[in-house]
Amino acid sequence: MSHGRSSGFSIEIKSKKYVKDISLSNGRPEAVLIEGDLGPLKDVSFFEDKVLVVKGRYGTLRVELSLVALSPIKERLVTVQNMQSTRKSSASLEGWKIDE
């Protein structure tokens, strides 16, 4: 994973048949797109309170993202969850980002 202020990630897929697309250009010279299928969700946890680990049947996604970094957006997460539970079609994640 990375060091400093940036957030690293890793993706481990059990078979290349679950990789949908890997594009090194995606229309822009420096862009990279990685898409795949983690399969049915098995577990979501934090490793050492620093790495979000999302495990599916077909693979694991790890994102360097601490519980502390999530604290400022906790209220928005609850709001989205409430919107989803009331099934409002206007629910949107537009504008979501973690400021550096």
PDB file of N, CA and C in Angstrom:
ATOM      1  N   MET A   1       0.848  -1.182   0.000  1.00  0.00           N
ATOM      2  CA  MET A   1       0.000   0.000   0.000  1.00  0.00           C
ATOM      3  C   MET A   1       0.892   1.242   0.000  1.00  0.00           C
ATOM      4  N   SER A   2       0.277   2.393  -0.091  1.00  0.00           N
ATOM      5  CA  SER A   2       1.050   3.626  -0.228  1.00  0.00           C
ATOM      6  C   SER A   2       1.396   4.230   1.124  1.00  0.00           C
ATOM      7  N   HIS A   3       2.216   5.257   1.081  1.00  0.00           N
ATOM      8  CA  HIS A   3       2.613   5.964   2.288  1.00  0.00           C
ATOM      9  C   HIS A   3       2.256   7.430   2.141  1.00  0.00           C
ATOM     10  N   GLY A   4       2.175   8.140   3.242  1.00  0.00           N
ATOM     11  CA  GLY A   4       1.881   9.570   3.166  1.00  0.00           C
ATOM     12  C   GLY A   4       0.400   9.838   3.028  1.00  0.00           C
ATOM     13  N   ARG A   5       0.056  10.894   2.296  1.00  0.00           N
ATOM     14  CA  ARG A   5      -1.328  11.349   2.192  1.00  0.00           C
ATOM     15  C   ARG A   5      -2.147  10.613   1.142  1.00  0.00           C
ATOM     16  N   SER A   6      -1.522   9.920   0.217  1.00  0.00           N
ATOM     17  CA  SER A   6      -2.281   9.231  -0.811  1.00  0.00           C
ATOM     18  C   SER A   6      -2.867   7.932  -0.252  1.00  0.00           C
ATOM     19  N   SER A   7      -3.865   7.404  -0.930  1.00  0.00           N
ATOM     20  CA  SER A   7      -4.514   6.169  -0.507  1.00  0.00           C
ATOM     21  C   SER A   7      -4.280   5.098  -1.562  1.00  0.00           C
ATOM     22  N   GLY A   8      -3.662   4.012  -1.156  1.00  0.00           N
ATOM     23  CA  GLY A   8      -3.388   2.928  -2.078  1.00  0.00           C
ATOM     24  C   GLY A   8      -4.547   1.946  -2.139  1.00  0.00           C
ATOM     25  N   PHE A   9      -4.466   1.015  -3.091  1.00  0.00           N
ATOM     26  CA  PHE A   9      -5.461  -0.034  -3.187  1.00  0.00           C
ATOM     27  C   PHE A   9      -4.846  -1.260  -3.828  1.00  0.00           C
ATOM     28  N   SER A  10      -5.464  -2.398  -3.610  1.00  0.00           N
ATOM     29  CA  SER A  10      -5.086  -3.614  -4.317  1.00  0.00           C
ATOM     30  C   SER A  10      -6.359  -4.388  -4.623  1.00  0.00           C
ATOM     31  N   ILE A  11      -6.313  -5.133  -5.709  1.00  0.00           N
ATOM     32  CA  ILE A  11      -7.429  -5.954  -6.125  1.00  0.00           C
ATOM     33  C   ILE A  11      -6.874  -7.345  -6.408  1.00  0.00           C
ATOM     34  N   GLU A  12      -7.425  -8.326  -5.763  1.00  0.00           N
ATOM     35  CA  GLU A  12      -7.013  -9.704  -5.981  1.00  0.00           C
ATOM     36  C   GLU A  12      -8.233 -10.489  -6.458  1.00  0.00           C
ATOM     37  N   ILE A  13      -8.164 -11.003  -7.664  1.00  0.00           N
ATOM     38  CA  ILE A  13      -9.267 -11.747  -8.263  1.00  0.00           C
ATOM     39  C   ILE A  13      -8.831 -13.205  -8.419  1.00  0.00           C
ATOM     40  N   LYS A  14      -9.703 -14.136  -8.049  1.00  0.00           N
ATOM     41  CA  LYS A  14      -9.354 -15.558  -8.066  1.00  0.00           C
ATOM     42  C   LYS A  14      -9.168 -16.131  -9.468  1.00  0.00           C
ATOM     43  N   SER A  15      -9.809 -15.535 -10.459  1.00  0.00           N
ATOM     44  CA  SER A  15      -9.680 -16.023 -11.826  1.00  0.00           C
ATOM     45  C   SER A  15      -9.868 -14.865 -12.793  1.00  0.00           C
ATOM     46  N   LYS A  16      -9.154 -14.882 -13.917  1.00  0.00           N
ATOM     47  CA  LYS A  16      -9.315 -13.801 -14.883  1.00  0.00           C
ATOM     48  C   LYS A  16     -10.692 -13.794 -15.531  1.00  0.00           C
ATOM     49  N   LYS A  17     -11.464 -14.864 -15.368  1.00  0.00           N
ATOM     50  CA  LYS A  17     -12.825 -14.864 -15.916  1.00  0.00           C
ATOM     51  C   LYS A  17     -13.724 -13.871 -15.177  1.00  0.00           C
ATOM     52  N   TYR A  18     -13.310 -13.416 -13.987  1.00  0.00           N
ATOM     53  CA  TYR A  18     -14.087 -12.430 -13.234  1.00  0.00           C
ATOM     54  C   TYR A  18     -13.619 -10.999 -13.492  1.00  0.00           C
ATOM     55  N   VAL A  19     -12.602 -10.828 -14.326  1.00  0.00           N
ATOM     56  CA  VAL A  19     -12.126  -9.506 -14.714  1.00  0.00           C
ATOM     57  C   VAL A  19     -12.916  -9.080 -15.940  1.00  0.00           C
ATOM     58  N   LYS A  20     -13.666  -8.000 -15.802  1.00  0.00           N
ATOM     59  CA  LYS A  20     -14.492  -7.525 -16.909  1.00  0.00           C
ATOM     60  C   LYS A  20     -13.661  -6.734 -17.908  1.00  0.00           C
ATOM     61  N   ASP A  21     -12.817  -5.817 -17.404  1.00  0.00           N
ATOM     62  CA  ASP A  21     -12.057  -4.949 -18.299  1.00  0.00           C
ATOM     63  C   ASP A  21     -10.857  -4.372 -17.574  1.00  0.00           C
ATOM     64  N   ILE A  22      -9.755  -4.277 -18.278  1.00  0.00           N
ATOM     65  CA  ILE A  22      -8.590  -3.528 -17.815  1.00  0.00           C
ATOM     66  C   ILE A  22      -8.189  -2.646 -18.983  1.00  0.00           C
ATOM     67  N   SER A  23      -8.247  -1.357 -18.795  1.00  0.00           N
ATOM     68  CA  SER A  23      -7.936  -0.416 -19.854  1.00  0.00           C
ATOM     69  C   SER A  23      -6.876   0.554 -19.360  1.00  0.00           C
ATOM     70  N   LEU A  24      -5.800   0.659 -20.101  1.00  0.00           N
ATOM     71  CA  LEU A  24      -4.731   1.567 -19.718  1.00  0.00           C
ATOM     72  C   LEU A  24      -4.879   2.945 -20.331  1.00  0.00           C
ATOM     73  N   SER A  25      -5.894   3.166 -21.153  1.00  0.00           N
ATOM     74  CA  SER A  25      -6.065   4.495 -21.731  1.00  0.00           C
ATOM     75  C   SER A  25      -7.424   5.094 -21.393  1.00  0.00           C
ATOM     76  N   ASN A  26      -8.510   4.369 -21.583  1.00  0.00           N
ATOM     77  CA  ASN A  26      -9.853   4.850 -21.290  1.00  0.00           C
ATOM     78  C   ASN A  26     -10.102   6.237 -21.871  1.00  0.00           C
ATOM     79  N   GLY A  27      -9.542   6.495 -23.049  1.00  0.00           N
ATOM     80  CA  GLY A  27      -9.765   7.770 -23.714  1.00  0.00           C
ATOM     81  C   GLY A  27      -8.829   8.884 -23.291  1.00  0.00           C
ATOM     82  N   ARG A  28      -8.106   8.697 -22.214  1.00  0.00           N
ATOM     83  CA  ARG A  28      -7.141   9.693 -21.743  1.00  0.00           C
ATOM     84  C   ARG A  28      -5.788   9.017 -21.605  1.00  0.00           C
ATOM     85  N   PRO A  29      -4.718   9.690 -21.960  1.00  0.00           N
ATOM     86  CA  PRO A  29      -3.393   9.060 -21.978  1.00  0.00           C
ATOM     87  C   PRO A  29      -2.939   8.485 -20.635  1.00  0.00           C
ATOM     88  N   GLU A  30      -3.303   9.086 -19.522  1.00  0.00           N
ATOM     89  CA  GLU A  30      -2.807   8.650 -18.219  1.00  0.00           C
ATOM     90  C   GLU A  30      -3.822   7.855 -17.412  1.00  0.00           C
ATOM     91  N   ALA A  31      -5.038   7.685 -17.911  1.00  0.00           N
ATOM     92  CA  ALA A  31      -6.092   7.032 -17.147  1.00  0.00           C
ATOM     93  C   ALA A  31      -5.973   5.507 -17.192  1.00  0.00           C
ATOM     94  N   VAL A  32      -6.396   4.865 -16.111  1.00  0.00           N
ATOM     95  CA  VAL A  32      -6.444   3.411 -16.020  1.00  0.00           C
ATOM     96  C   VAL A  32      -7.809   3.031 -15.455  1.00  0.00           C
ATOM     97  N   LEU A  33      -8.442   2.054 -16.064  1.00  0.00           N
ATOM     98  CA  LEU A  33      -9.738   1.568 -15.610  1.00  0.00           C
ATOM     99  C   LEU A  33      -9.620   0.078 -15.339  1.00  0.00           C
ATOM    100  N   ILE A  34     -10.054  -0.342 -14.151  1.00  0.00           N
ATOM    101  CA  ILE A  34     -10.059  -1.756 -13.784  1.00  0.00           C
ATOM    102  C   ILE A  34     -11.472  -2.096 -13.338  1.00  0.00           C
ATOM    103  N   GLU A  35     -12.109  -3.031 -14.027  1.00  0.00           N
ATOM    104  CA  GLU A  35     -13.452  -3.458 -13.670  1.00  0.00           C
ATOM    105  C   GLU A  35     -13.478  -4.967 -13.544  1.00  0.00           C
ATOM    106  N   GLY A  36     -14.290  -5.440 -12.615  1.00  0.00           N
ATOM    107  CA  GLY A  36     -14.410  -6.873 -12.453  1.00  0.00           C
ATOM    108  C   GLY A  36     -15.588  -7.219 -11.571  1.00  0.00           C
ATOM    109  N   ASP A  37     -15.618  -8.445 -11.127  1.00  0.00           N
ATOM    110  CA  ASP A  37     -16.711  -8.948 -10.302  1.00  0.00           C
ATOM    111  C   ASP A  37     -16.129  -9.616  -9.068  1.00  0.00           C
ATOM    112  N   LEU A  38     -16.383  -9.051  -7.900  1.00  0.00           N
ATOM    113  CA  LEU A  38     -15.931  -9.666  -6.655  1.00  0.00           C
ATOM    114  C   LEU A  38     -16.853 -10.807  -6.238  1.00  0.00           C
ATOM    115  N   GLY A  39     -17.992 -10.910  -6.900  1.00  0.00           N
ATOM    116  CA  GLY A  39     -18.950 -11.958  -6.561  1.00  0.00           C
ATOM    117  C   GLY A  39     -19.813 -11.553  -5.386  1.00  0.00           C
ATOM    118  N   PRO A  40     -20.622 -12.484  -4.907  1.00  0.00           N
ATOM    119  CA  PRO A  40     -21.471 -12.193  -3.755  1.00  0.00           C
ATOM    120  C   PRO A  40     -20.616 -11.767  -2.552  1.00  0.00           C
ATOM    121  N   LEU A  41     -21.047 -10.745  -1.870  1.00  0.00           N
ATOM    122  CA  LEU A  41     -20.303 -10.201  -0.736  1.00  0.00           C
ATOM    123  C   LEU A  41     -20.221 -11.210   0.404  1.00  0.00           C
ATOM    124  N   LYS A  42     -18.987 -11.440   0.883  1.00  0.00           N
ATOM    125  CA  LYS A  42     -18.774 -12.345   2.002  1.00  0.00           C
ATOM    126  C   LYS A  42     -18.466 -11.599   3.290  1.00  0.00           C
ATOM    127  N   ASP A  43     -17.702 -10.494   3.173  1.00  0.00           N
ATOM    128  CA  ASP A  43     -17.291  -9.792   4.391  1.00  0.00           C
ATOM    129  C   ASP A  43     -16.781  -8.396   4.035  1.00  0.00           C
ATOM    130  N   VAL A  44     -17.016  -7.453   4.938  1.00  0.00           N
ATOM    131  CA  VAL A  44     -16.441  -6.112   4.853  1.00  0.00           C
ATOM    132  C   VAL A  44     -15.842  -5.838   6.224  1.00  0.00           C
ATOM    133  N   SER A  45     -14.566  -5.470   6.247  1.00  0.00           N
ATOM    134  CA  SER A  45     -13.905  -5.244   7.532  1.00  0.00           C
ATOM    135  C   SER A  45     -12.772  -4.245   7.355  1.00  0.00           C
ATOM    136  N   PHE A  46     -12.158  -3.904   8.459  1.00  0.00           N
ATOM    137  CA  PHE A  46     -10.968  -3.061   8.446  1.00  0.00           C
ATOM    138  C   PHE A  46      -9.796  -3.867   8.983  1.00  0.00           C
ATOM    139  N   PHE A  47      -8.645  -3.730   8.333  1.00  0.00           N
ATOM    140  CA  PHE A  47      -7.412  -4.347   8.793  1.00  0.00           C
ATOM    141  C   PHE A  47      -6.591  -3.279   9.483  1.00  0.00           C
ATOM    142  N   GLU A  48      -6.287  -3.501  10.756  1.00  0.00           N
ATOM    143  CA  GLU A  48      -5.508  -2.564  11.571  1.00  0.00           C
ATOM    144  C   GLU A  48      -6.069  -1.145  11.519  1.00  0.00           C
ATOM    145  N   ASP A  49      -7.384  -0.989  11.382  1.00  0.00           N
ATOM    146  CA  ASP A  49      -8.054   0.324  11.329  1.00  0.00           C
ATOM    147  C   ASP A  49      -7.497   1.241  10.241  1.00  0.00           C
ATOM    148  N   LYS A  50      -6.798   0.671   9.244  1.00  0.00           N
ATOM    149  CA  LYS A  50      -6.197   1.483   8.193  1.00  0.00           C
ATOM    150  C   LYS A  50      -6.594   1.058   6.786  1.00  0.00           C
ATOM    151  N   VAL A  51      -7.062  -0.172   6.624  1.00  0.00           N
ATOM    152  CA  VAL A  51      -7.351  -0.686   5.290  1.00  0.00           C
ATOM    153  C   VAL A  51      -8.760  -1.289   5.277  1.00  0.00           C
ATOM    154  N   LEU A  52      -9.610  -0.735   4.401  1.00  0.00           N
ATOM    155  CA  LEU A  52     -10.939  -1.287   4.191  1.00  0.00           C
ATOM    156  C   LEU A  52     -10.784  -2.529   3.317  1.00  0.00           C
ATOM    157  N   VAL A  53     -11.311  -3.655   3.771  1.00  0.00           N
ATOM    158  CA  VAL A  53     -11.200  -4.923   3.049  1.00  0.00           C
ATOM    159  C   VAL A  53     -12.607  -5.389   2.682  1.00  0.00           C
ATOM    160  N   VAL A  54     -12.863  -5.495   1.380  1.00  0.00           N
ATOM    161  CA  VAL A  54     -14.155  -5.968   0.877  1.00  0.00           C
ATOM    162  C   VAL A  54     -13.898  -7.320   0.225  1.00  0.00           C
ATOM    163  N   LYS A  55     -14.451  -8.377   0.831  1.00  0.00           N
ATOM    164  CA  LYS A  55     -14.236  -9.732   0.315  1.00  0.00           C
ATOM    165  C   LYS A  55     -15.502 -10.242  -0.344  1.00  0.00           C
ATOM    166  N   GLY A  56     -15.326 -10.721  -1.556  1.00  0.00           N
ATOM    167  CA  GLY A  56     -16.401 -11.378  -2.275  1.00  0.00           C
ATOM    168  C   GLY A  56     -16.010 -12.811  -2.563  1.00  0.00           C
ATOM    169  N   ARG A  57     -16.915 -13.571  -3.112  1.00  0.00           N
ATOM    170  CA  ARG A  57     -16.625 -14.966  -3.427  1.00  0.00           C
ATOM    171  C   ARG A  57     -15.484 -15.081  -4.438  1.00  0.00           C
ATOM    172  N   TYR A  58     -15.369 -14.114  -5.360  1.00  0.00           N
ATOM    173  CA  TYR A  58     -14.386 -14.209  -6.443  1.00  0.00           C
ATOM    174  C   TYR A  58     -13.125 -13.385  -6.236  1.00  0.00           C
ATOM    175  N   GLY A  59     -13.094 -12.556  -5.193  1.00  0.00           N
ATOM    176  CA  GLY A  59     -11.903 -11.738  -5.005  1.00  0.00           C
ATOM    177  C   GLY A  59     -12.007 -10.795  -3.832  1.00  0.00           C
ATOM    178  N   THR A  60     -10.948 -10.035  -3.633  1.00  0.00           N
ATOM    179  CA  THR A  60     -10.845  -9.111  -2.499  1.00  0.00           C
ATOM    180  C   THR A  60     -10.352  -7.756  -2.975  1.00  0.00           C
ATOM    181  N   LEU A  61     -11.009  -6.716  -2.505  1.00  0.00           N
ATOM    182  CA  LEU A  61     -10.590  -5.340  -2.769  1.00  0.00           C
ATOM    183  C   LEU A  61     -10.089  -4.754  -1.462  1.00  0.00           C
ATOM    184  N   ARG A  62      -8.907  -4.185  -1.491  1.00  0.00           N
ATOM    185  CA  ARG A  62      -8.342  -3.526  -0.310  1.00  0.00           C
ATOM    186  C   ARG A  62      -8.079  -2.071  -0.663  1.00  0.00           C
ATOM    187  N   VAL A  63      -8.565  -1.168   0.197  1.00  0.00           N
ATOM    188  CA  VAL A  63      -8.375   0.266  -0.019  1.00  0.00           C
ATOM    189  C   VAL A  63      -7.824   0.868   1.258  1.00  0.00           C
ATOM    190  N   GLU A  64      -6.719   1.570   1.124  1.00  0.00           N
ATOM    191  CA  GLU A  64      -6.129   2.249   2.271  1.00  0.00           C
ATOM    192  C   GLU A  64      -7.036   3.417   2.643  1.00  0.00           C
ATOM    193  N   LEU A  65      -7.859   3.197   3.647  1.00  0.00           N
ATOM    194  CA  LEU A  65      -8.872   4.167   4.062  1.00  0.00           C
ATOM    195  C   LEU A  65      -9.180   3.906   5.524  1.00  0.00           C
ATOM    196  N   SER A  66      -8.758   4.788   6.396  1.00  0.00           N
ATOM    197  CA  SER A  66      -8.906   4.548   7.830  1.00  0.00           C
ATOM    198  C   SER A  66     -10.302   4.905   8.322  1.00  0.00           C
ATOM    199  N   LEU A  67     -10.635   4.364   9.467  1.00  0.00           N
ATOM    200  CA  LEU A  67     -11.895   4.727  10.121  1.00  0.00           C
ATOM    201  C   LEU A  67     -11.919   6.219  10.420  1.00  0.00           C
ATOM    202  N   VAL A  68     -10.772   6.781  10.743  1.00  0.00           N
ATOM    203  CA  VAL A  68     -10.681   8.220  11.023  1.00  0.00           C
ATOM    204  C   VAL A  68     -11.035   9.020   9.771  1.00  0.00           C
ATOM    205  N   ALA A  69     -10.555   8.578   8.611  1.00  0.00           N
ATOM    206  CA  ALA A  69     -10.853   9.283   7.358  1.00  0.00           C
ATOM    207  C   ALA A  69     -12.339   9.210   7.025  1.00  0.00           C
ATOM    208  N   LEU A  70     -13.013   8.155   7.450  1.00  0.00           N
ATOM    209  CA  LEU A  70     -14.442   8.010   7.188  1.00  0.00           C
ATOM    210  C   LEU A  70     -15.307   8.838   8.134  1.00  0.00           C
ATOM    211  N   SER A  71     -14.787   9.227   9.269  1.00  0.00           N
ATOM    212  CA  SER A  71     -15.572   9.960  10.265  1.00  0.00           C
ATOM    213  C   SER A  71     -16.279  11.191   9.717  1.00  0.00           C
ATOM    214  N   PRO A  72     -15.623  12.041   8.912  1.00  0.00           N
ATOM    215  CA  PRO A  72     -16.299  13.242   8.408  1.00  0.00           C
ATOM    216  C   PRO A  72     -17.493  12.949   7.500  1.00  0.00           C
ATOM    217  N   ILE A  73     -17.521  11.777   6.887  1.00  0.00           N
ATOM    218  CA  ILE A  73     -18.634  11.486   5.986  1.00  0.00           C
ATOM    219  C   ILE A  73     -19.656  10.530   6.600  1.00  0.00           C
ATOM    220  N   LYS A  74     -19.484  10.202   7.867  1.00  0.00           N
ATOM    221  CA  LYS A  74     -20.396   9.269   8.527  1.00  0.00           C
ATOM    222  C   LYS A  74     -21.845   9.733   8.426  1.00  0.00           C
ATOM    223  N   GLU A  75     -22.085  11.014   8.633  1.00  0.00           N
ATOM    224  CA  GLU A  75     -23.451  11.543   8.575  1.00  0.00           C
ATOM    225  C   GLU A  75     -24.042  11.365   7.179  1.00  0.00           C
ATOM    226  N   ARG A  76     -23.228  11.595   6.143  1.00  0.00           N
ATOM    227  CA  ARG A  76     -23.720  11.411   4.774  1.00  0.00           C
ATOM    228  C   ARG A  76     -24.023   9.947   4.488  1.00  0.00           C
ATOM    229  N   LEU A  77     -23.226   9.028   5.045  1.00  0.00           N
ATOM    230  CA  LEU A  77     -23.481   7.605   4.858  1.00  0.00           C
ATOM    231  C   LEU A  77     -24.822   7.219   5.465  1.00  0.00           C
ATOM    232  N   VAL A  78     -25.112   7.739   6.653  1.00  0.00           N
ATOM    233  CA  VAL A  78     -26.383   7.463   7.316  1.00  0.00           C
ATOM    234  C   VAL A  78     -27.534   8.048   6.509  1.00  0.00           C
ATOM    235  N   THR A  79     -27.338   9.254   5.962  1.00  0.00           N
ATOM    236  CA  THR A  79     -28.375   9.891   5.151  1.00  0.00           C
ATOM    237  C   THR A  79     -28.691   9.063   3.911  1.00  0.00           C
ATOM    238  N   VAL A  80     -27.664   8.582   3.218  1.00  0.00           N
ATOM    239  CA  VAL A  80     -27.875   7.755   2.032  1.00  0.00           C
ATOM    240  C   VAL A  80     -28.570   6.454   2.417  1.00  0.00           C
ATOM    241  N   GLN A  81     -28.157   5.858   3.529  1.00  0.00           N
ATOM    242  CA  GLN A  81     -28.794   4.626   3.987  1.00  0.00           C
ATOM    243  C   GLN A  81     -30.275   4.865   4.267  1.00  0.00           C
ATOM    244  N   ASN A  82     -30.595   5.990   4.893  1.00  0.00           N
ATOM    245  CA  ASN A  82     -31.994   6.322   5.166  1.00  0.00           C
ATOM    246  C   ASN A  82     -32.770   6.547   3.878  1.00  0.00           C
ATOM    247  N   MET A  83     -32.138   7.199   2.895  1.00  0.00           N
ATOM    248  CA  MET A  83     -32.787   7.434   1.613  1.00  0.00           C
ATOM    249  C   MET A  83     -33.071   6.113   0.910  1.00  0.00           C
ATOM    250  N   GLN A  84     -32.111   5.196   0.986  1.00  0.00           N
ATOM    251  CA  GLN A  84     -32.301   3.897   0.342  1.00  0.00           C
ATOM    252  C   GLN A  84     -33.392   3.104   1.035  1.00  0.00           C
ATOM    253  N   SER A  85     -33.465   3.207   2.350  1.00  0.00           N
ATOM    254  CA  SER A  85     -34.480   2.443   3.066  1.00  0.00           C
ATOM    255  C   SER A  85     -35.882   2.977   2.810  1.00  0.00           C
ATOM    256  N   THR A  86     -35.987   4.275   2.477  1.00  0.00           N
ATOM    257  CA  THR A  86     -37.302   4.822   2.143  1.00  0.00           C
ATOM    258  C   THR A  86     -37.566   4.751   0.651  1.00  0.00           C
ATOM    259  N   ARG A  87     -36.562   4.201  -0.087  1.00  0.00           N
ATOM    260  CA  ARG A  87     -36.678   3.961  -1.534  1.00  0.00           C
ATOM    261  C   ARG A  87     -36.958   5.228  -2.341  1.00  0.00           C
ATOM    262  N   LYS A  88     -36.323   6.310  -1.975  1.00  0.00           N
ATOM    263  CA  LYS A  88     -36.442   7.538  -2.764  1.00  0.00           C
ATOM    264  C   LYS A  88     -35.596   7.382  -4.013  1.00  0.00           C
ATOM    265  N   SER A  89     -36.188   7.643  -5.153  1.00  0.00           N
ATOM    266  CA  SER A  89     -35.449   7.490  -6.405  1.00  0.00           C
ATOM    267  C   SER A  89     -34.463   8.626  -6.631  1.00  0.00           C
ATOM    268  N   SER A  90     -34.553   9.678  -5.852  1.00  0.00           N
ATOM    269  CA  SER A  90     -33.662  10.820  -6.055  1.00  0.00           C
ATOM    270  C   SER A  90     -32.348  10.690  -5.298  1.00  0.00           C
ATOM    271  N   ALA A  91     -32.099   9.548  -4.658  1.00  0.00           N
ATOM    272  CA  ALA A  91     -30.854   9.375  -3.912  1.00  0.00           C
ATOM    273  C   ALA A  91     -29.669   9.506  -4.859  1.00  0.00           C
ATOM    274  N   SER A  92     -28.685  10.285  -4.464  1.00  0.00           N
ATOM    275  CA  SER A  92     -27.544  10.517  -5.324  1.00  0.00           C
ATOM    276  C   SER A  92     -26.281  10.592  -4.497  1.00  0.00           C
ATOM    277  N   LEU A  93     -25.192  10.074  -5.027  1.00  0.00           N
ATOM    278  CA  LEU A  93     -23.886  10.176  -4.381  1.00  0.00           C
ATOM    279  C   LEU A  93     -23.047  11.248  -5.050  1.00  0.00           C
ATOM    280  N   GLU A  94     -23.660  12.069  -5.885  1.00  0.00           N
ATOM    281  CA  GLU A  94     -22.917  13.116  -6.591  1.00  0.00           C
ATOM    282  C   GLU A  94     -22.232  14.035  -5.588  1.00  0.00           C
ATOM    283  N   GLY A  95     -21.008  14.359  -5.857  1.00  0.00           N
ATOM    284  CA  GLY A  95     -20.265  15.280  -4.995  1.00  0.00           C
ATOM    285  C   GLY A  95     -19.556  14.604  -3.836  1.00  0.00           C
ATOM    286  N   TRP A  96     -19.646  13.274  -3.740  1.00  0.00           N
ATOM    287  CA  TRP A  96     -18.979  12.577  -2.648  1.00  0.00           C
ATOM    288  C   TRP A  96     -17.491  12.512  -2.935  1.00  0.00           C
ATOM    289  N   LYS A  97     -16.690  12.968  -2.011  1.00  0.00           N
ATOM    290  CA  LYS A  97     -15.255  12.805  -2.088  1.00  0.00           C
ATOM    291  C   LYS A  97     -14.672  13.100  -0.724  1.00  0.00           C
ATOM    292  N   ILE A  98     -13.510  12.592  -0.477  1.00  0.00           N
ATOM    293  CA  ILE A  98     -12.810  12.887   0.770  1.00  0.00           C
ATOM    294  C   ILE A  98     -11.779  13.941   0.449  1.00  0.00           C
ATOM    295  N   ASP A  99     -11.928  15.103   1.052  1.00  0.00           N
ATOM    296  CA  ASP A  99     -10.996  16.195   0.794  1.00  0.00           C
ATOM    297  C   ASP A  99      -9.657  15.893   1.451  1.00  0.00           C
ATOM    298  N   GLU A 100      -8.603  16.269   0.747  1.00  0.00           N
ATOM    299  CA  GLU A 100      -7.254  16.074   1.284  1.00  0.00           C
ATOM    300  C   GLU A 100      -6.864  17.245   2.150  1.00  0.00           C
TER     301      GLU A 100
END
